Amino acid sequence: MKTYLVGGSVRDELLGLPVKDHDYVVVGASPEEMERLGYRPVGKDFPVFLHPQTNEQYALARTERKISLGYKGFEVFTSPQVTLQEDLARRDLTINSIAKDADSNIIDPFNGVADLEAGILRHISPAFTEDPVRILRAARFAARFGFRIAPETMMLMNDMVHNGEVDALVPERVWQELARGLMERNPSRMFYILKECGALARIIPEVNVLFGVPQPGHVHPEIDTGVHIMMVIDYAAAQNYSLPVRFAALTHDLGKGTTSPEEWPRHIGHEARSIELTKNLCERIKVPKESRDLALLVARYHGDVHRAEELKPSTMANMLQAVDAYRKPGRFEEFLQACACDFHGRPGYAIRPYVQADRFRKAYLAAKKVDAGAIAAELRQNLPESTALPSAINTKVRTARIARIKAELIYSRNT
């Protein structure tokens, strides 16, 4: 029985990056022997165990055989006779097939260290094509490390798209990899690579069709809507914004992909179309509620936020109510962050001040000072048990908030 450190922890250590989790492969052991040593079994599809003291994962060396489409379409074989090299050979990329033994010796049968040094993502064997998730993983690693895809690996990824293997991806796994890719430091690289191999058109066609759609040059110097979206998500990553903000940045302009070419470069009414497209996308790939709800708000209202200096206090009050700013102030701040990403995600705009967000923050802080509870209590004394009471409370609270917003904006303008 021998134990080896494998995969991402070895890769990241060689890159000089922080190592978050350690994964181990055990060669020459059986499940029964692992349990006798105190390891706790947790794997459903193949034998994985938790160390009795550290709780780190230890997997028995295994091989795989493709039996059907999809990332679950594998038959797994494990036994004490499976070698370390056989286990490493089933992995996706050479940079993930490096191991380290108990004496800290590097074991690198597929030249992963050389690819790390060259900044290349390369498949280990033709078996790469058997798991469609590997397309997403390769694109995600490119976004994380800034590595390029080896030409022969890109050819395999293209083949996987054309032969329909990519269509076997399950929605939950698409979202899992998409979310992780959005949280990398250069998320646009993931989408550019998915576009290059043809997978983006199959997985997220709503984003794919944005490339080549023009916008007015005086507002969008980058012209291309797809390029704009990539700049927006990269800006969100540079600010270290949350996943909901980054997903909202990705989807806020989906409606521009359905604008008739006769109307280009204008996109009148794209906000309403973006809402429907975002709803459908979220349902299809099972986007969690927190990310979905913020994306829908940003799709609907980002244009209004950009026009903050033109809006009347009453309109701003209506928007604050519509985005539920008073009950969910944290989400309201994320809403403004996503709108700011849209503003800054253009050539020459990265360091320009986005005064519109500040204007909405001032309006919110002013309106929040209105004591809705005190107003309700006062009206209950004057309108006991009246059916008009809820409407009267809402009207008076709204009027008070508008007055506060108006006073704050006048004060800000004068100072």
Protein backbone atom coordinates (compact mmCIF):
# COMPACT_ATOMS: atom_id res chain seq x y z
CA MET A 1 0.00 0.00 0.00
CA LYS A 2 1.45 3.34 -1.14
CA THR A 3 -0.06 6.82 -0.94
CA TYR A 4 0.57 9.67 -3.39
CA LEU A 5 -0.45 13.32 -3.43
CA VAL A 6 -2.07 14.00 -6.81
CA GLY A 7 -3.87 16.47 -9.01
CA GLY A 8 -4.53 20.11 -8.26
CA SER A 9 -2.55 20.28 -5.04
CA VAL A 10 0.65 19.15 -6.78
CA ARG A 11 -0.05 21.42 -9.75
CA ASP A 12 -0.66 24.50 -7.61
CA GLU A 13 2.38 23.83 -5.44
CA LEU A 14 4.58 23.67 -8.56
CA LEU A 15 3.04 26.95 -9.74
CA GLY A 16 3.79 28.57 -6.39
CA LEU A 17 0.10 29.04 -5.64
CA PRO A 18 -1.70 28.48 -2.32
CA VAL A 19 -2.83 24.87 -1.91
CA LYS A 20 -6.38 24.67 -0.55
CA ASP A 21 -7.15 20.94 -0.59
CA HIS A 22 -5.01 17.82 -0.71
CA ASP A 23 -6.16 14.79 -2.69
CA TYR A 24 -4.46 11.41 -2.41
CA VAL A 25 -4.42 8.22 -4.43
CA VAL A 26 -3.82 4.92 -2.67
CA VAL A 27 -2.17 2.13 -4.67
CA GLY A 28 -2.15 -1.50 -3.57
CA ALA A 29 -5.06 -1.39 -1.12
CA SER A 30 -8.61 -2.73 -0.99
CA PRO A 31 -11.73 -1.05 0.44
CA GLU A 32 -11.73 -3.54 3.31
CA GLU A 33 -8.13 -2.71 4.18
CA MET A 34 -8.86 1.03 4.17
CA GLU A 35 -11.76 0.56 6.58
CA ARG A 36 -9.64 -1.61 8.88
CA LEU A 37 -7.17 1.30 9.07
CA GLY A 38 -9.96 3.64 10.18
CA TYR A 39 -10.70 5.41 6.89
CA ARG A 40 -14.38 6.30 6.42
CA PRO A 41 -15.94 5.43 3.04
CA VAL A 42 -17.83 8.26 1.30
CA GLY A 43 -17.70 7.45 -2.43
CA LYS A 44 -20.83 6.26 -4.19
CA ASP A 45 -19.47 5.60 -7.69
CA PHE A 46 -15.97 4.51 -6.68
CA PRO A 47 -14.06 3.97 -3.42
CA VAL A 48 -13.19 7.29 -1.76
CA PHE A 49 -12.32 7.51 1.92
CA LEU A 50 -11.80 10.22 4.53
CA HIS A 51 -8.67 10.10 6.65
CA PRO A 52 -9.55 9.29 10.29
CA GLN A 53 -7.66 12.36 11.61
CA THR A 54 -7.40 14.95 8.83
CA ASN A 55 -10.66 14.23 6.93
CA GLU A 56 -8.71 14.62 3.67
CA GLN A 57 -9.81 12.51 0.71
CA TYR A 58 -8.04 9.29 -0.20
CA ALA A 59 -9.21 7.50 -3.37
CA LEU A 60 -8.21 4.01 -4.40
CA ALA A 61 -6.36 3.91 -7.72
CA ARG A 62 -8.81 3.18 -10.50
CA THR A 63 -9.36 2.95 -14.24
CA GLU A 64 -12.46 3.85 -16.25
CA ARG A 65 -14.22 2.56 -19.34
CA LYS A 66 -16.72 4.58 -21.38
CA ILE A 67 -20.10 2.83 -21.68
CA SER A 68 -22.54 5.66 -22.55
CA LEU A 69 -22.81 9.38 -23.28
CA GLY A 70 -22.23 12.00 -20.61
CA TYR A 71 -19.87 12.47 -17.72
CA LYS A 72 -21.61 9.71 -15.74
CA GLY A 73 -21.35 7.19 -18.55
CA PHE A 74 -18.33 5.36 -17.14
CA GLU A 75 -17.68 1.95 -15.71
CA VAL A 76 -15.10 2.20 -12.91
CA PHE A 77 -12.64 -0.53 -12.06
CA THR A 78 -10.51 -0.53 -8.92
CA SER A 79 -8.26 -3.16 -7.40
CA PRO A 80 -4.91 -3.39 -5.58
CA GLN A 81 -3.33 -4.20 -8.98
CA VAL A 82 -4.18 -0.80 -10.58
CA THR A 83 -0.95 1.20 -10.88
CA LEU A 84 -0.37 4.88 -10.22
CA GLN A 85 0.31 5.53 -13.91
CA GLU A 86 -2.95 3.83 -14.90
CA ASP A 87 -4.79 6.07 -12.44
CA LEU A 88 -3.06 9.22 -13.69
CA ALA A 89 -3.77 8.25 -17.31
CA ARG A 90 -7.54 8.55 -16.79
CA ARG A 91 -7.26 12.25 -15.86
CA ASP A 92 -8.07 15.08 -18.23
CA LEU A 93 -4.98 17.29 -18.67
CA THR A 94 -1.27 16.68 -18.27
CA ILE A 95 -0.99 19.44 -15.66
CA ASN A 96 -3.47 17.51 -13.51
CA SER A 97 -1.68 14.16 -13.88
CA ILE A 98 1.36 14.91 -11.72
CA ALA A 99 1.88 13.03 -8.46
CA LYS A 100 4.22 13.32 -5.48
CA ASP A 101 5.27 10.44 -3.28
CA ALA A 102 5.92 10.34 0.46
CA ASP A 103 9.54 11.43 -0.10
CA SER A 104 8.41 14.49 -2.15
CA ASN A 105 9.60 12.97 -5.43
CA ILE A 106 7.65 14.22 -8.44
CA ILE A 107 6.13 11.51 -10.65
CA ASP A 108 5.25 12.93 -14.06
CA PRO A 109 4.57 10.22 -16.68
CA PHE A 110 2.79 12.58 -19.10
CA ASN A 111 5.15 15.60 -19.01
CA GLY A 112 2.76 17.80 -17.08
CA VAL A 113 5.60 19.78 -15.50
CA ALA A 114 6.85 20.84 -18.94
CA ASP A 115 3.34 21.96 -19.90
CA LEU A 116 3.06 23.91 -16.65
CA GLU A 117 6.27 25.72 -17.47
CA ALA A 118 5.14 26.40 -21.05
CA GLY A 119 1.63 27.48 -20.04
CA ILE A 120 -0.13 24.82 -22.12
CA LEU A 121 -3.31 22.86 -21.45
CA ARG A 122 -2.91 19.50 -23.18
CA HIS A 123 -5.00 16.33 -23.03
CA ILE A 124 -3.38 13.09 -21.88
CA SER A 125 -5.00 10.66 -24.32
CA PRO A 126 -7.90 10.37 -26.78
CA ALA A 127 -9.99 9.31 -23.76
CA PHE A 128 -10.31 13.07 -23.14
CA THR A 129 -13.24 13.00 -25.57
CA GLU A 130 -15.23 10.60 -23.42
CA ASP A 131 -16.25 13.22 -20.83
CA PRO A 132 -17.88 16.47 -22.06
CA VAL A 133 -17.20 18.19 -18.73
CA ARG A 134 -13.56 18.27 -19.78
CA ILE A 135 -14.37 20.96 -22.35
CA LEU A 136 -15.66 23.20 -19.58
CA ARG A 137 -12.76 22.33 -17.29
CA ALA A 138 -10.13 23.09 -19.93
CA ALA A 139 -11.76 26.45 -20.64
CA ARG A 140 -11.98 27.19 -16.92
CA PHE A 141 -8.32 26.39 -16.34
CA ALA A 142 -7.45 28.75 -19.19
CA ALA A 143 -9.39 31.46 -17.36
CA ARG A 144 -7.60 30.68 -14.10
CA PHE A 145 -4.02 30.39 -15.28
CA GLY A 146 -4.00 32.30 -18.56
CA PHE A 147 -2.72 29.15 -20.32
CA ARG A 148 -3.37 28.39 -23.98
CA ILE A 149 -5.05 25.24 -25.28
CA ALA A 150 -2.77 22.92 -27.26
CA PRO A 151 -3.92 22.80 -30.91
CA GLU A 152 -4.44 19.03 -30.81
CA THR A 153 -6.59 19.42 -27.68
CA MET A 154 -8.66 22.15 -29.31
CA MET A 155 -9.25 19.76 -32.23
CA LEU A 156 -10.59 17.14 -29.84
CA MET A 157 -12.84 19.71 -28.19
CA ASN A 158 -14.23 20.63 -31.62
CA ASP A 159 -14.86 16.97 -32.35
CA MET A 160 -16.75 16.56 -29.07
CA VAL A 161 -19.04 19.42 -30.06
CA HIS A 162 -19.63 18.15 -33.58
CA ASN A 163 -20.31 14.54 -32.56
CA GLY A 164 -22.88 15.58 -29.95
CA GLU A 165 -20.93 14.53 -26.85
CA VAL A 166 -21.24 18.06 -25.44
CA ASP A 167 -25.03 17.80 -25.63
CA ALA A 168 -24.92 15.13 -22.92
CA LEU A 169 -23.88 17.68 -20.28
CA VAL A 170 -26.35 17.82 -17.41
CA PRO A 171 -27.59 21.29 -16.39
CA GLU A 172 -26.26 21.15 -12.83
CA ARG A 173 -22.73 20.40 -14.05
CA VAL A 174 -22.90 23.21 -16.63
CA TRP A 175 -23.79 25.68 -13.89
CA GLN A 176 -21.14 24.31 -11.55
CA GLU A 177 -18.35 24.80 -14.09
CA LEU A 178 -19.78 28.10 -15.37
CA ALA A 179 -19.93 29.48 -11.84
CA ARG A 180 -16.37 28.42 -11.12
CA GLY A 181 -15.21 29.93 -14.40
CA LEU A 182 -16.92 33.23 -13.65
CA MET A 183 -15.02 33.35 -10.36
CA GLU A 184 -11.62 33.02 -12.04
CA ARG A 185 -9.43 36.06 -12.53
CA ASN A 186 -10.01 36.29 -16.32
CA PRO A 187 -13.45 34.74 -16.89
CA SER A 188 -13.63 36.02 -20.47
CA ARG A 189 -11.00 33.46 -21.50
CA MET A 190 -13.37 30.66 -20.60
CA PHE A 191 -16.05 32.03 -22.91
CA TYR A 192 -13.67 32.81 -25.77
CA ILE A 193 -12.37 29.23 -25.69
CA LEU A 194 -15.87 27.76 -25.51
CA LYS A 195 -16.77 29.94 -28.50
CA GLU A 196 -13.68 28.84 -30.44
CA CYS A 197 -14.46 25.14 -30.10
CA GLY A 198 -18.17 25.66 -30.81
CA ALA A 199 -19.36 24.64 -27.35
CA LEU A 200 -20.69 28.07 -26.37
CA ALA A 201 -23.31 27.91 -29.13
CA ARG A 202 -24.58 24.62 -27.72
CA ILE A 203 -24.31 25.34 -24.01
CA ILE A 204 -25.18 29.05 -23.73
CA PRO A 205 -26.42 30.17 -27.17
CA GLU A 206 -27.85 33.37 -25.62
CA VAL A 207 -24.29 34.58 -25.03
CA ASN A 208 -22.82 33.14 -28.21
CA VAL A 209 -25.14 35.15 -30.49
CA LEU A 210 -23.99 38.44 -28.93
CA PHE A 211 -20.67 38.26 -30.76
CA GLY A 212 -20.88 40.23 -33.98
CA VAL A 213 -23.91 42.27 -32.87
CA PRO A 214 -23.00 45.98 -33.15
CA GLN A 215 -23.80 48.77 -30.68
CA PRO A 216 -23.63 52.57 -31.16
CA GLY A 217 -19.96 53.52 -31.35
CA HIS A 218 -20.33 56.80 -29.47
CA VAL A 219 -21.54 54.87 -26.40
CA HIS A 220 -19.69 51.59 -26.96
CA PRO A 221 -16.25 52.12 -28.53
CA GLU A 222 -15.80 48.33 -28.59
CA ILE A 223 -18.87 48.12 -30.91
CA ASP A 224 -19.30 44.32 -30.60
CA THR A 225 -21.82 43.32 -27.90
CA GLY A 226 -20.05 40.05 -27.17
CA VAL A 227 -16.76 41.85 -26.65
CA HIS A 228 -18.54 44.27 -24.34
CA ILE A 229 -19.93 41.43 -22.22
CA MET A 230 -16.46 39.92 -21.90
CA MET A 231 -15.05 43.27 -20.76
CA VAL A 232 -17.87 43.60 -18.23
CA ILE A 233 -17.27 40.21 -16.60
CA ASP A 234 -13.52 40.79 -16.52
CA TYR A 235 -14.11 44.13 -14.79
CA ALA A 236 -16.33 42.38 -12.23
CA ALA A 237 -13.54 39.85 -11.63
CA ALA A 238 -10.94 42.61 -11.25
CA GLN A 239 -13.11 44.14 -8.51
CA ASN A 240 -13.45 40.73 -6.83
CA TYR A 241 -17.23 40.97 -6.96
CA SER A 242 -19.50 38.09 -5.93
CA LEU A 243 -20.80 35.33 -8.21
CA PRO A 244 -24.32 36.87 -8.45
CA VAL A 245 -22.77 40.16 -9.62
CA ARG A 246 -20.63 38.38 -12.21
CA PHE A 247 -23.55 36.32 -13.51
CA ALA A 248 -25.68 39.47 -13.78
CA ALA A 249 -22.82 41.11 -15.68
CA LEU A 250 -22.83 38.16 -18.10
CA THR A 251 -26.57 38.24 -18.79
CA HIS A 252 -27.61 41.90 -18.56
CA ASP A 253 -27.61 42.49 -22.33
CA LEU A 254 -28.85 39.15 -23.65
CA GLY A 255 -31.74 40.90 -25.38
CA LYS A 256 -29.37 42.60 -27.81
CA GLY A 257 -28.81 39.20 -29.40
CA THR A 258 -32.42 39.16 -30.59
CA THR A 259 -32.53 42.68 -32.04
CA SER A 260 -33.44 42.66 -35.72
CA PRO A 261 -30.40 43.55 -37.88
CA GLU A 262 -32.52 46.27 -39.51
CA GLU A 263 -32.50 48.11 -36.17
CA TRP A 264 -28.74 47.84 -35.53
CA PRO A 265 -26.82 49.41 -33.88
CA ARG A 266 -29.74 50.53 -31.67
CA HIS A 267 -31.40 48.04 -29.33
CA ILE A 268 -34.69 49.54 -28.28
CA GLY A 269 -36.51 47.39 -25.73
CA HIS A 270 -33.62 45.00 -25.22
CA GLU A 271 -34.12 45.12 -21.45
CA ALA A 272 -37.49 43.35 -21.63
CA ARG A 273 -36.07 40.74 -23.99
CA SER A 274 -33.09 40.27 -21.68
CA ILE A 275 -35.44 39.42 -18.83
CA GLU A 276 -37.12 36.60 -20.73
CA LEU A 277 -33.87 35.22 -22.07
CA THR A 278 -32.29 35.29 -18.62
CA LYS A 279 -35.29 33.52 -17.11
CA ASN A 280 -35.06 30.77 -19.71
CA LEU A 281 -31.29 30.40 -19.28
CA CYS A 282 -31.58 30.21 -15.49
CA GLU A 283 -34.27 27.57 -15.70
CA ARG A 284 -32.35 25.52 -18.25
CA ILE A 285 -29.03 25.31 -16.37
CA LYS A 286 -30.52 25.44 -12.86
CA VAL A 287 -29.06 28.77 -11.72
CA PRO A 288 -29.52 29.30 -7.96
CA LYS A 289 -32.14 31.80 -6.84
CA GLU A 290 -29.67 34.38 -5.51
CA SER A 291 -27.87 34.70 -8.85
CA ARG A 292 -31.07 34.47 -10.89
CA ASP A 293 -32.93 37.20 -8.98
CA LEU A 294 -30.07 39.69 -9.18
CA ALA A 295 -29.56 38.99 -12.89
CA LEU A 296 -33.24 39.69 -13.60
CA LEU A 297 -33.14 43.01 -11.73
CA VAL A 298 -29.99 44.13 -13.52
CA ALA A 299 -31.40 43.11 -16.90
CA ARG A 300 -34.53 45.18 -16.27
CA TYR A 301 -33.13 48.29 -14.61
CA HIS A 302 -29.48 48.80 -15.63
CA GLY A 303 -30.45 51.30 -18.32
CA ASP A 304 -32.47 53.31 -15.81
CA VAL A 305 -29.55 53.43 -13.39
CA HIS A 306 -27.32 54.75 -16.17
CA ARG A 307 -29.84 57.61 -16.57
CA ALA A 308 -29.90 58.40 -12.84
CA GLU A 309 -29.10 62.09 -13.37
CA GLU A 310 -32.18 62.45 -15.56
CA LEU A 311 -34.64 60.68 -13.28
CA LYS A 312 -37.20 62.45 -11.12
CA PRO A 313 -37.24 61.73 -7.38
CA SER A 314 -40.53 59.90 -7.81
CA THR A 315 -39.02 57.59 -10.43
CA MET A 316 -36.05 56.88 -8.20
CA ALA A 317 -38.37 56.09 -5.32
CA ASN A 318 -40.29 53.66 -7.53
CA MET A 319 -37.07 51.94 -8.55
CA LEU A 320 -35.86 51.58 -4.98
CA GLN A 321 -39.13 49.91 -4.14
CA ALA A 322 -39.02 47.70 -7.23
CA VAL A 323 -35.55 46.35 -6.47
CA ASP A 324 -36.53 45.79 -2.83
CA ALA A 325 -33.69 48.01 -1.60
CA TYR A 326 -35.14 48.59 1.87
CA ARG A 327 -35.53 44.91 2.75
CA LYS A 328 -32.41 43.70 0.92
CA PRO A 329 -29.76 46.42 1.14
CA GLY A 330 -26.94 43.96 0.46
CA ARG A 331 -28.50 42.86 -2.80
CA PHE A 332 -29.17 46.51 -3.70
CA GLU A 333 -25.44 47.21 -3.39
CA GLU A 334 -24.71 44.20 -5.62
CA PHE A 335 -27.27 45.54 -8.08
CA LEU A 336 -25.37 48.85 -8.28
CA GLN A 337 -22.06 46.97 -8.60
CA ALA A 338 -23.35 45.05 -11.60
CA CYS A 339 -24.58 48.26 -13.22
CA ALA A 340 -21.17 49.80 -12.59
CA CYS A 341 -19.51 46.84 -14.32
CA ASP A 342 -21.66 47.52 -17.38
CA PHE A 343 -20.53 51.16 -17.35
CA HIS A 344 -16.83 50.42 -16.84
CA GLY A 345 -16.69 47.47 -19.24
CA ARG A 346 -15.81 49.62 -22.25
CA PRO A 347 -12.50 50.88 -23.67
CA GLY A 348 -11.44 54.00 -21.80
CA TYR A 349 -14.11 53.71 -19.10
CA ALA A 350 -12.39 51.52 -16.51
CA ILE A 351 -11.32 54.40 -14.25
CA ARG A 352 -14.06 56.91 -15.02
CA PRO A 353 -16.29 57.79 -12.06
CA TYR A 354 -19.72 56.19 -12.14
CA VAL A 355 -21.67 58.99 -10.49
CA GLN A 356 -25.01 57.36 -11.27
CA ALA A 357 -24.46 54.66 -8.65
CA ASP A 358 -23.50 57.27 -6.06
CA ARG A 359 -26.67 59.21 -6.86
CA PHE A 360 -28.78 56.12 -6.22
CA ARG A 361 -26.94 55.39 -2.98
CA LYS A 362 -27.69 58.91 -1.76
CA ALA A 363 -31.33 58.54 -2.75
CA TYR A 364 -31.56 55.22 -0.91
CA LEU A 365 -29.95 56.54 2.28
CA ALA A 366 -32.27 59.55 2.25
CA ALA A 367 -35.42 57.50 1.64
CA LYS A 368 -34.43 54.98 4.30
CA LYS A 369 -34.70 57.70 6.95
CA VAL A 370 -38.47 57.72 6.55
CA ASP A 371 -40.03 55.91 9.52
CA ALA A 372 -42.63 53.77 7.81
CA GLY A 373 -43.68 52.23 11.13
CA ALA A 374 -44.45 55.63 12.68
CA ILE A 375 -46.50 56.63 9.63
CA ALA A 376 -48.47 53.40 9.81
CA ALA A 377 -49.15 53.85 13.53
CA GLU A 378 -50.40 57.40 12.99
CA LEU A 379 -52.75 56.39 10.19
CA ARG A 380 -54.13 53.48 12.20
CA GLN A 381 -55.33 55.96 14.78
CA ASN A 382 -57.12 58.05 12.15
CA LEU A 383 -58.39 55.17 9.98
CA PRO A 384 -59.18 52.32 12.37
CA GLU A 385 -60.20 49.08 10.65
CA SER A 386 -60.48 50.83 7.29
CA THR A 387 -60.04 48.88 4.07
CA ALA A 388 -58.24 51.95 2.72
CA LEU A 389 -55.58 51.77 5.43
CA PRO A 390 -52.90 49.75 3.52
CA SER A 391 -53.19 52.01 0.48
CA ALA A 392 -53.07 55.15 2.64
CA ILE A 393 -49.93 53.91 4.42
CA ASN A 394 -48.18 53.09 1.14
CA THR A 395 -49.09 56.46 -0.35
CA LYS A 396 -47.90 58.47 2.63
CA VAL A 397 -44.65 56.49 2.97
CA ARG A 398 -43.95 56.91 -0.74
CA THR A 399 -44.67 60.65 -0.58
CA ALA A 400 -42.34 61.03 2.39
CA ARG A 401 -39.58 59.11 0.64
CA ILE A 402 -39.90 61.19 -2.51
CA ALA A 403 -39.62 64.35 -0.44
CA ARG A 404 -36.49 63.03 1.30
CA ILE A 405 -34.90 62.04 -2.02
CA LYS A 406 -35.70 65.41 -3.55
CA ALA A 407 -34.21 67.28 -0.60
CA GLU A 408 -31.05 65.14 -0.67
CA LEU A 409 -30.52 65.59 -4.41
CA ILE A 410 -31.02 69.36 -4.16
CA TYR A 411 -28.58 69.49 -1.26
CA SER A 412 -26.02 67.39 -3.16
CA ARG A 413 -26.29 69.60 -6.23
CA ASN A 414 -25.80 72.78 -4.20
CA THR A 415 -22.80 71.42 -2.32
